[in-house]
C-alpha atoms as a PDB file:
ATOM      1  CA  GLY A   1     -10.851  13.549   5.005  1.00  0.00           C
ATOM      2  CA  GLY A   2     -12.123  14.191   1.254  1.00  0.00           C
ATOM      3  CA  ILE A   3     -12.102  16.826  -1.456  1.00  0.00           C
ATOM      4  CA  THR A   4     -13.733  19.789  -1.035  1.00  0.00           C
ATOM      5  CA  GLY A   5     -13.612  23.357  -2.328  1.00  0.00           C
ATOM      6  CA  GLY A   6     -14.679  24.891  -5.750  1.00  0.00           C
ATOM      7  CA  ALA A   7     -14.146  23.409  -8.966  1.00  0.00           C
ATOM      8  CA  THR A   8     -10.483  24.644  -9.548  1.00  0.00           C
ATOM      9  CA  ASP A   9      -9.495  23.546  -5.602  1.00  0.00           C
ATOM     10  CA  ILE A  10     -11.006  19.879  -6.290  1.00  0.00           C
ATOM     11  CA  ALA A  11      -8.982  19.586  -9.759  1.00  0.00           C
ATOM     12  CA  ILE A  12      -5.940  20.509  -7.822  1.00  0.00           C
ATOM     13  CA  GLN A  13      -6.786  18.249  -5.129  1.00  0.00           C
ATOM     14  CA  ALA A  14      -6.977  15.742  -7.663  1.00  0.00           C
ATOM     15  CA  GLU A  15      -4.062  15.725  -9.359  1.00  0.00           C
ATOM     16  CA  GLN A  16      -1.949  16.090  -6.404  1.00  0.00           C
ATOM     17  CA  PHE A  17      -4.008  12.487  -5.314  1.00  0.00           C
ATOM     18  CA  ALA A  18      -3.421  10.985  -8.707  1.00  0.00           C
ATOM     19  CA  VAL A  19       1.199  12.173  -8.341  1.00  0.00           C
ATOM     20  CA  ILE A  20       0.861  10.509  -4.556  1.00  0.00           C
ATOM     21  CA  LYS A  21      -0.765   7.241  -6.126  1.00  0.00           C
ATOM     22  CA  LYS A  22       1.599   7.073  -8.721  1.00  0.00           C
ATOM     23  CA  GLU A  23       4.542   6.963  -6.462  1.00  0.00           C
ATOM     24  CA  MET A  24       2.525   5.120  -3.892  1.00  0.00           C
ATOM     25  CA  PHE A  25       2.604   1.928  -6.590  1.00  0.00           C
ATOM     26  CA  ARG A  26       5.785   2.573  -7.530  1.00  0.00           C
ATOM     27  CA  LEU A  27       7.446   2.671  -4.328  1.00  0.00           C
ATOM     28  CA  ASN A  28       5.314  -0.760  -3.464  1.00  0.00           C
ATOM     29  CA  ALA A  29       6.158  -2.371  -6.859  1.00  0.00           C
ATOM     30  CA  GLU A  30       9.734  -1.740  -5.843  1.00  0.00           C
ATOM     31  CA  PHE A  31       9.481  -2.981  -2.192  1.00  0.00           C
ATOM     32  CA  THR A  32       7.595  -6.094  -2.934  1.00  0.00           C
ATOM     33  CA  GLY A  33       8.934  -6.984  -5.928  1.00  0.00           C
ATOM     34  CA  GLN A  34       5.720  -6.850  -8.085  1.00  0.00           C
ATOM     35  CA  THR A  35       5.275  -5.061 -11.378  1.00  0.00           C
ATOM     36  CA  LEU A  36       3.847  -2.077 -11.375  1.00  0.00           C
ATOM     37  CA  GLU A  37       0.846  -3.151 -13.379  1.00  0.00           C
ATOM     38  CA  ARG A  38      -0.102  -6.126 -10.794  1.00  0.00           C
ATOM     39  CA  ILE A  39       0.271  -3.369  -7.934  1.00  0.00           C
ATOM     40  CA  GLU A  40      -1.863  -1.325  -9.910  1.00  0.00           C
ATOM     41  CA  ALA A  41      -4.553  -3.898 -10.638  1.00  0.00           C
ATOM     42  CA  ASP A  42      -4.502  -5.319  -7.403  1.00  0.00           C
ATOM     43  CA  SER A  43      -5.259  -1.945  -5.688  1.00  0.00           C
ATOM     44  CA  ASP A  44      -8.064  -1.130  -7.707  1.00  0.00           C
ATOM     45  CA  ARG A  45     -10.620  -2.219  -5.081  1.00  0.00           C
ATOM     46  CA  ASP A  46     -10.049  -2.916  -1.295  1.00  0.00           C
ATOM     47  CA  ARG A  47      -7.817  -6.345  -0.851  1.00  0.00           C
ATOM     48  CA  TRP A  48      -6.891  -7.707   2.762  1.00  0.00           C
ATOM     49  CA  PHE A  49      -4.210 -10.096   3.327  1.00  0.00           C
ATOM     50  CA  THR A  50      -3.365 -13.149   5.632  1.00  0.00           C
ATOM     51  CA  ALA A  51       0.073 -12.981   7.490  1.00  0.00           C
ATOM     52  CA  ALA A  52       1.186 -15.756   4.630  1.00  0.00           C
ATOM     53  CA  GLU A  53      -0.334 -14.018   2.106  1.00  0.00           C
ATOM     54  CA  ALA A  54       1.505 -10.805   2.675  1.00  0.00           C
ATOM     55  CA  LEU A  55       4.941 -12.344   2.901  1.00  0.00           C
ATOM     56  CA  GLU A  56       3.808 -13.906  -0.356  1.00  0.00           C
ATOM     57  CA  TYR A  57       3.495 -10.527  -2.181  1.00  0.00           C
ATOM     58  CA  GLY A  58       6.605  -9.388  -0.500  1.00  0.00           C
ATOM     59  CA  PHE A  59       4.501  -6.412   1.862  1.00  0.00           C
ATOM     60  CA  VAL A  60       6.431  -8.387   4.711  1.00  0.00           C
ATOM     61  CA  ASP A  61       9.817  -9.975   5.379  1.00  0.00           C
ATOM     62  CA  HIS A  62       8.800 -12.628   8.128  1.00  0.00           C
ATOM     63  CA  ILE A  63       5.831 -13.794  10.434  1.00  0.00           C
ATOM     64  CA  ILE A  64       6.341 -13.609  13.843  1.00  0.00           C
ATOM     65  CA  THR A  65       4.512 -16.453  15.568  1.00  0.00           C
ATOM     66  CA  HIS A  66       5.359 -15.796  19.325  1.00  0.00           C
ATOM     67  CA  ALA A  67       6.031 -12.487  20.928  1.00  0.00           C
ATOM     68  CA  ASN A  68       7.174 -12.838  24.671  1.00  0.00           C
ATOM     69  CA  PHE A  69       6.104 -10.106  27.179  1.00  0.00           C
ATOM     70  CA  ASN A  70       9.803  -8.838  27.147  1.00  0.00           C
ATOM     71  CA  GLY A  71       9.581  -7.381  23.589  1.00  0.00           C
ATOM     72  CA  SER A  72      11.239  -9.951  22.066  1.00  0.00           C
ATOM     73  CA  ALA A  73       9.579 -12.289  19.317  1.00  0.00           C
ATOM     74  CA  SER A  74      10.296 -15.423  17.520  1.00  0.00           C
END
C-alpha cells in the first residue's frame, strides 16, 4: 500500500497515518514498559530483535525453546 490521489487526499491520508502511528507508539510504550520517547526513537528505522532482545525490550513475555508436534510448548 501507499498514499495515492490528489493533494487533498494525500494530506488526509498522511494525517490519518500520523494519528495511527502515534497510537501505535502509545500502545507499544504501554505494553512494553518502555518510554514513549524510546519507542519513537527506536521506531525511526527498521529494527530487528532476537528472541532474547524482544524479551528484554518487553515485546514478548517468554521464549519458547522447544515445541512438540502435539502443539504443546516448553
